[in-house]
Amino acid sequence: MSGRIEIAGVSERDMDLLLLEEFQSSQGFQQWFIRQVLGKDARLGELISAQRSITQSTGESDLEIAFADPLGGHVRFLIENKVNAGFQPEQAKRYRKRGDSYVTQKHSASCHTVIVAPARYFGEGESTKGFDKKITYEAVRDWFAGAAELGERRKYKLALLQSAIDKGTLGYQPVEDKPVTEFWRAYWLFAREHAPELEMSEPSQSKPSGSSFVYFRPHTLQRGVEICHKLTKGYVDLQINHLGKRLNELHHSLSAHLRNDVTLKQAGQSAAIRIEVPVLDLSRPFAEQLPQVQVGLTAALDHLHWFLEKQPFMPNYVLQPTPSSGRG
């Protein structure tokens, strides 16, 4: 019987080596990682190399992993690993530049940039911090939890991951992006005056780059329903939590009530009734984009009024969404 495991002071190097070990020794982990990045049907050949701390003229990759491509050549993954360190300016772009150079110089058939970090690091929404794909420590932890072939070693690895997650959750402080912070502040002031029904919460005093999802949760919407203006994606979504797997059922229930200019999409675990709006650039002044902001806020108000008007026609699973509502 193994004793209690307590690990303090977990560093990014610890996590680098944990991941490196699994890439080198576990085909199960290799295939899981490939599917997380390239999709559930992706298949690559044998591991060609797994390296840590690779430095090029454009900077350093925490990990670089290469697999044989069945079509020829290598598929390379450039991995940035974060526990609780701040995000460096242009970091994702430097990773992309490195990946492009591998392809241009024919060292790889293709390259994919990946950031691995605690879920808390990414904040709300679907941000990948500019990388091609994100994988959370929580997802890695779940893989280890199901890897029975690791035997007793699995308990140690789970403890190490949990310690890193705890450190990331408690210790990470986003690096402020001043133009983004100023944009959010101006947006809130404008929404408070021109769309008070949305009851936008006052934003925090500092916002990191990548903070681009504005959530509206007015008291007139019941719990589990929210409106989200995805500023840099050009969407305003009416999101119904935990119904992302029930789009067909939801469409059948609501199709007679949906406007022609909306679509029904899955957004994470939520179902999203979506209106497309102009894309906003948070690095540019708010005043220069005021007409586009107005279109987005109008769409958010349209969502609110539509839902309140159609609420009597909503099925119970929409009005009372719960984590157990989803299927599969």
Protein backbone atom coordinates (compact mmCIF):
# COMPACT_ATOMS: atom_id res chain seq x y z
CA MET A 1 0.00 0.00 0.00
CA SER A 2 1.41 3.39 -0.99
CA GLY A 3 1.50 6.26 1.47
CA ARG A 4 0.06 9.73 1.16
CA ILE A 5 1.71 11.84 -1.56
CA GLU A 6 2.28 15.57 -1.08
CA ILE A 7 4.25 17.58 -3.64
CA ALA A 8 4.97 21.26 -3.14
CA GLY A 9 6.67 23.73 -5.43
CA VAL A 10 5.89 22.03 -8.74
CA SER A 11 7.73 23.77 -11.59
CA GLU A 12 7.30 23.85 -15.34
CA ARG A 13 10.43 21.72 -15.63
CA ASP A 14 8.71 19.02 -13.55
CA MET A 15 5.77 19.05 -15.92
CA ASP A 16 8.02 19.08 -18.99
CA LEU A 17 9.72 15.93 -17.79
CA LEU A 18 6.43 14.24 -16.88
CA LEU A 19 5.09 14.81 -20.40
CA LEU A 20 8.41 13.89 -21.99
CA GLU A 21 8.44 10.56 -20.16
CA GLU A 22 4.97 9.66 -21.43
CA PHE A 23 5.80 10.64 -24.99
CA GLN A 24 8.85 8.40 -24.84
CA SER A 25 7.24 5.41 -23.15
CA SER A 26 3.48 5.30 -23.71
CA GLN A 27 1.85 4.70 -27.07
CA GLY A 28 -1.50 5.23 -25.37
CA PHE A 29 -0.50 8.75 -24.34
CA GLN A 30 0.98 9.45 -27.78
CA GLN A 31 -2.25 8.54 -29.54
CA TRP A 32 -4.37 10.43 -27.00
CA PHE A 33 -2.29 13.57 -27.54
CA ILE A 34 -2.43 13.26 -31.34
CA ARG A 35 -6.21 12.97 -31.23
CA GLN A 36 -6.50 15.97 -28.90
CA VAL A 37 -4.61 18.14 -31.37
CA LEU A 38 -5.56 16.74 -34.78
CA GLY A 39 -8.99 15.24 -34.15
CA LYS A 40 -10.45 11.96 -32.99
CA ASP A 41 -9.75 10.15 -36.29
CA ALA A 42 -6.11 11.24 -36.61
CA ARG A 43 -3.45 8.55 -36.90
CA LEU A 44 0.30 9.02 -37.10
CA GLY A 45 3.22 6.60 -37.23
CA GLU A 46 5.96 5.88 -34.73
CA LEU A 47 7.59 8.44 -32.47
CA ILE A 48 10.65 9.92 -34.17
CA SER A 49 11.88 12.24 -31.42
CA ALA A 50 10.85 13.79 -28.12
CA GLN A 51 13.00 16.71 -26.99
CA ARG A 52 12.94 19.32 -24.25
CA SER A 53 14.12 22.94 -24.26
CA ILE A 54 14.91 23.34 -27.96
CA THR A 55 16.36 26.77 -28.78
CA GLN A 56 16.24 28.41 -32.20
CA SER A 57 16.79 31.98 -33.39
CA THR A 58 13.07 32.66 -32.81
CA GLY A 59 13.14 31.45 -29.22
CA GLU A 60 12.74 28.27 -27.20
CA SER A 61 10.20 25.46 -27.37
CA ASP A 62 9.52 23.72 -24.07
CA LEU A 63 8.94 20.43 -25.88
CA GLU A 64 9.22 19.33 -29.50
CA ILE A 65 7.67 16.01 -30.43
CA ALA A 66 7.86 14.44 -33.90
CA PHE A 67 5.99 11.46 -35.35
CA ALA A 68 6.23 9.73 -38.69
CA ASP A 69 3.61 10.91 -41.17
CA PRO A 70 1.97 8.01 -43.07
CA LEU A 71 2.05 10.26 -46.15
CA GLY A 72 5.77 10.86 -45.78
CA GLY A 73 8.02 13.00 -43.62
CA HIS A 74 7.44 14.03 -40.02
CA VAL A 75 4.60 15.75 -38.18
CA ARG A 76 6.03 17.96 -35.44
CA PHE A 77 4.35 19.38 -32.35
CA LEU A 78 5.83 22.45 -30.65
CA ILE A 79 4.59 22.58 -27.07
CA GLU A 80 4.55 25.52 -24.67
CA ASN A 81 4.00 24.35 -21.09
CA LYS A 82 2.72 26.74 -18.41
CA VAL A 83 2.16 26.17 -14.70
CA ASN A 84 1.66 29.71 -13.43
CA ALA A 85 4.11 31.93 -15.30
CA GLY A 86 2.83 34.97 -17.17
CA PHE A 87 2.44 35.00 -20.92
CA GLN A 88 5.24 36.64 -22.91
CA PRO A 89 4.36 39.08 -25.71
CA GLU A 90 4.37 37.53 -29.20
CA GLN A 91 5.10 34.08 -27.70
CA ALA A 92 2.54 32.23 -29.81
CA LYS A 93 3.72 34.03 -32.95
CA ARG A 94 7.31 32.99 -32.27
CA TYR A 95 6.20 29.38 -31.91
CA ARG A 96 4.35 29.64 -35.22
CA LYS A 97 7.38 31.18 -36.90
CA ARG A 98 9.54 28.31 -35.64
CA GLY A 99 7.05 25.78 -36.91
CA ASP A 100 6.88 27.45 -40.32
CA SER A 101 10.66 27.40 -40.57
CA TYR A 102 10.71 23.62 -39.97
CA VAL A 103 8.30 23.16 -42.87
CA THR A 104 10.08 25.64 -45.15
CA GLN A 105 13.43 23.93 -44.52
CA LYS A 106 11.74 20.54 -45.10
CA HIS A 107 12.56 19.27 -41.61
CA SER A 108 8.86 18.54 -41.13
CA ALA A 109 5.87 17.93 -43.38
CA SER A 110 3.71 19.94 -40.98
CA CYS A 111 3.97 21.62 -37.57
CA HIS A 112 1.36 22.29 -34.92
CA THR A 113 1.73 24.62 -31.93
CA VAL A 114 0.17 23.52 -28.65
CA ILE A 115 -0.12 25.17 -25.24
CA VAL A 116 -0.54 22.94 -22.17
CA ALA A 117 -1.61 24.62 -18.94
CA PRO A 118 -4.19 24.53 -16.12
CA ALA A 119 -7.71 25.37 -17.32
CA ARG A 120 -7.71 28.50 -15.15
CA TYR A 121 -4.87 29.88 -17.27
CA PHE A 122 -7.19 30.32 -20.26
CA GLY A 123 -9.95 32.19 -18.44
CA GLU A 124 -13.50 32.12 -19.74
CA GLY A 125 -14.26 31.14 -23.30
CA GLU A 126 -12.37 29.23 -25.94
CA SER A 127 -9.05 31.10 -26.11
CA THR A 128 -5.97 29.15 -27.16
CA LYS A 129 -3.69 32.15 -26.50
CA GLY A 130 -2.80 32.22 -30.21
CA PHE A 131 -1.63 28.61 -30.39
CA ASP A 132 -3.17 26.08 -32.77
CA LYS A 133 -4.55 24.03 -29.89
CA LYS A 134 -4.79 24.02 -26.11
CA ILE A 135 -4.72 21.01 -23.80
CA THR A 136 -5.50 21.54 -20.13
CA TYR A 137 -3.70 19.89 -17.25
CA GLU A 138 -7.12 18.68 -16.17
CA ALA A 139 -7.47 16.75 -19.43
CA VAL A 140 -4.00 15.24 -18.98
CA ARG A 141 -4.92 14.32 -15.41
CA ASP A 142 -8.04 12.55 -16.66
CA TRP A 143 -5.94 10.52 -19.08
CA PHE A 144 -3.61 9.43 -16.27
CA ALA A 145 -6.60 8.59 -14.07
CA GLY A 146 -7.71 6.05 -16.67
CA ALA A 147 -4.26 4.66 -17.43
CA ALA A 148 -4.45 1.53 -15.30
CA GLU A 149 -1.35 0.06 -16.98
CA LEU A 150 0.80 2.52 -15.02
CA GLY A 151 0.14 0.64 -11.80
CA GLU A 152 1.16 2.35 -8.57
CA ARG A 153 3.18 4.96 -10.49
CA ARG A 154 -0.12 6.44 -11.63
CA LYS A 155 -0.84 7.75 -8.11
CA TYR A 156 2.39 9.73 -8.04
CA LYS A 157 1.80 11.20 -11.49
CA LEU A 158 -1.76 12.19 -10.56
CA ALA A 159 -0.48 13.86 -7.40
CA LEU A 160 2.11 15.80 -9.40
CA LEU A 161 -0.51 16.95 -11.90
CA GLN A 162 -2.96 17.96 -9.19
CA SER A 163 -0.27 19.97 -7.44
CA ALA A 164 0.47 21.78 -10.72
CA ILE A 165 -3.25 22.45 -11.25
CA ASP A 166 -3.56 23.85 -7.73
CA LYS A 167 -0.53 26.06 -8.21
CA GLY A 168 -1.84 27.31 -11.55
CA THR A 169 -5.27 28.04 -10.07
CA LEU A 170 -3.99 29.83 -6.99
CA GLY A 171 -0.80 31.35 -8.30
CA TYR A 172 -1.39 32.51 -11.87
CA GLN A 173 -1.78 36.23 -12.42
CA PRO A 174 -2.58 37.24 -16.00
CA VAL A 175 -0.31 39.83 -17.58
CA GLU A 176 -2.27 42.99 -18.28
CA ASP A 177 -2.72 44.12 -21.86
CA LYS A 178 -3.38 47.85 -21.52
CA PRO A 179 -5.23 48.39 -24.86
CA VAL A 180 -7.46 45.39 -24.09
CA THR A 181 -8.16 46.73 -20.58
CA GLU A 182 -9.07 50.14 -21.98
CA PHE A 183 -11.33 48.59 -24.63
CA TRP A 184 -13.22 46.55 -22.01
CA ARG A 185 -13.69 49.61 -19.82
CA ALA A 186 -15.07 51.67 -22.70
CA TYR A 187 -17.31 48.80 -23.78
CA TRP A 188 -18.76 48.49 -20.28
CA LEU A 189 -19.43 52.22 -19.99
CA PHE A 190 -21.16 52.23 -23.36
CA ALA A 191 -23.22 49.10 -22.59
CA ARG A 192 -24.24 50.47 -19.19
CA GLU A 193 -25.68 53.57 -20.87
CA HIS A 194 -27.12 52.14 -24.09
CA ALA A 195 -28.02 48.56 -23.17
CA PRO A 196 -28.73 48.56 -19.41
CA GLU A 197 -31.10 45.57 -19.77
CA LEU A 198 -28.06 43.37 -20.37
CA GLU A 199 -26.71 44.22 -16.89
CA MET A 200 -23.07 43.86 -17.90
CA SER A 201 -20.81 43.41 -14.88
CA GLU A 202 -18.04 45.93 -14.40
CA PRO A 203 -14.80 44.40 -15.75
CA SER A 204 -11.75 43.87 -13.58
CA GLN A 205 -9.15 46.60 -13.36
CA SER A 206 -6.80 44.72 -15.71
CA LYS A 207 -7.42 42.40 -18.64
CA PRO A 208 -4.88 40.09 -20.28
CA SER A 209 -4.58 39.69 -24.03
CA GLY A 210 -7.04 37.12 -25.28
CA SER A 211 -9.85 38.33 -23.00
CA SER A 212 -12.46 38.67 -25.71
CA PHE A 213 -15.68 37.03 -24.43
CA VAL A 214 -18.18 39.42 -22.81
CA TYR A 215 -20.85 37.55 -20.85
CA PHE A 216 -24.24 39.05 -20.05
CA ARG A 217 -26.24 37.39 -17.28
CA PRO A 218 -29.22 39.70 -16.63
CA HIS A 219 -31.54 38.71 -13.82
CA THR A 220 -34.36 38.21 -16.34
CA LEU A 221 -32.60 35.13 -17.70
CA GLN A 222 -32.78 32.04 -15.56
CA ARG A 223 -29.69 30.24 -14.34
CA GLY A 224 -27.98 28.24 -17.07
CA VAL A 225 -28.80 30.70 -19.87
CA GLU A 226 -26.43 33.52 -20.80
CA ILE A 227 -25.56 35.82 -23.69
CA CYS A 228 -21.95 36.04 -24.88
CA HIS A 229 -20.48 38.60 -27.29
CA LYS A 230 -17.39 36.91 -28.72
CA LEU A 231 -15.67 40.11 -29.74
CA THR A 232 -12.81 38.82 -31.90
CA LYS A 233 -14.80 35.98 -33.46
CA GLY A 234 -17.75 38.01 -34.70
CA TYR A 235 -20.49 36.11 -32.85
CA VAL A 236 -23.14 36.94 -30.30
CA ASP A 237 -24.41 33.70 -28.77
CA LEU A 238 -27.40 32.94 -26.60
CA GLN A 239 -25.91 30.00 -24.72
CA ILE A 240 -27.83 27.29 -22.93
CA ASN A 241 -25.49 25.37 -20.64
CA HIS A 242 -25.03 21.60 -20.89
CA LEU A 243 -27.11 21.20 -24.06
CA GLY A 244 -24.23 21.11 -26.53
CA LYS A 245 -24.88 17.42 -27.26
CA ARG A 246 -28.59 17.94 -27.90
CA LEU A 247 -28.54 20.29 -30.88
CA ASN A 248 -30.82 18.12 -33.04
CA GLU A 249 -33.39 17.88 -30.28
CA LEU A 250 -33.12 21.59 -29.57
CA HIS A 251 -33.51 22.48 -33.24
CA HIS A 252 -36.63 20.33 -33.46
CA SER A 253 -38.11 22.08 -30.43
CA LEU A 254 -37.25 25.64 -31.46
CA SER A 255 -37.10 25.66 -35.27
CA ALA A 256 -40.55 27.22 -35.59
CA HIS A 257 -39.46 30.11 -33.35
CA LEU A 258 -35.93 30.80 -34.68
CA ARG A 259 -35.26 33.85 -36.84
CA ASN A 260 -33.77 33.42 -40.30
CA ASP A 261 -30.54 35.20 -39.36
CA VAL A 262 -29.56 32.81 -36.54
CA THR A 263 -27.83 29.44 -36.52
CA LEU A 264 -27.65 26.73 -33.89
CA LYS A 265 -24.12 25.70 -32.91
CA GLN A 266 -22.27 23.79 -30.22
CA ALA A 267 -20.04 26.00 -28.03
CA GLY A 268 -18.11 23.75 -25.67
CA GLN A 269 -20.69 22.00 -23.50
CA SER A 270 -23.35 24.59 -24.36
CA ALA A 271 -25.82 24.99 -27.18
CA ALA A 272 -25.50 28.41 -28.83
CA ILE A 273 -28.12 30.28 -30.81
CA ARG A 274 -25.78 32.46 -32.87
CA ILE A 275 -25.99 35.81 -34.63
CA GLU A 276 -23.00 36.87 -36.72
CA VAL A 277 -21.75 40.42 -36.12
CA PRO A 278 -18.67 42.44 -37.10
CA VAL A 279 -15.32 41.28 -35.71
CA LEU A 280 -13.67 43.67 -33.25
CA ASP A 281 -9.96 44.34 -32.76
CA LEU A 282 -9.22 44.88 -29.07
CA SER A 283 -5.82 46.40 -29.84
CA ARG A 284 -7.51 49.31 -31.65
CA PRO A 285 -9.29 52.20 -29.88
CA PHE A 286 -12.89 51.59 -28.90
CA ALA A 287 -14.13 54.84 -30.47
CA GLU A 288 -12.93 53.75 -33.92
CA GLN A 289 -15.15 50.67 -33.74
CA LEU A 290 -18.25 52.13 -32.16
CA PRO A 291 -20.60 51.23 -35.06
CA GLN A 292 -19.46 47.59 -34.90
CA VAL A 293 -19.91 47.55 -31.12
CA GLN A 294 -23.45 48.87 -31.54
CA VAL A 295 -24.27 46.03 -33.93
CA GLY A 296 -23.03 43.50 -31.38
CA LEU A 297 -24.98 45.02 -28.50
CA THR A 298 -28.11 45.17 -30.63
CA ALA A 299 -27.72 41.47 -31.34
CA ALA A 300 -27.33 40.78 -27.62
CA LEU A 301 -30.52 42.71 -26.90
CA ASP A 302 -32.29 40.84 -29.70
CA HIS A 303 -31.29 37.56 -28.03
CA LEU A 304 -32.60 38.75 -24.67
CA HIS A 305 -35.93 39.96 -26.03
CA TRP A 306 -36.38 36.84 -28.18
CA PHE A 307 -35.78 34.48 -25.26
CA LEU A 308 -38.11 36.34 -22.93
CA GLU A 309 -40.81 36.43 -25.62
CA LYS A 310 -40.45 32.74 -26.52
CA GLN A 311 -39.96 31.46 -22.98
CA PRO A 312 -43.58 30.16 -22.73
CA PHE A 313 -42.87 27.88 -25.70
CA MET A 314 -39.58 26.50 -24.35
CA PRO A 315 -39.41 22.81 -23.39
CA ASN A 316 -38.52 22.03 -19.78
CA TYR A 317 -35.00 20.82 -20.60
CA VAL A 318 -34.23 24.33 -21.94
CA LEU A 319 -35.75 26.14 -18.99
CA GLN A 320 -34.04 23.91 -16.45
CA PRO A 321 -30.68 22.88 -18.01
CA THR A 322 -28.56 20.76 -15.68
CA PRO A 323 -25.24 18.93 -16.06
CA SER A 324 -27.18 15.69 -16.38
CA SER A 325 -29.22 17.03 -19.32
CA GLY A 326 -26.59 16.19 -21.87
CA ARG A 327 -26.43 12.85 -23.58
CA GLY A 328 -23.32 10.86 -24.35
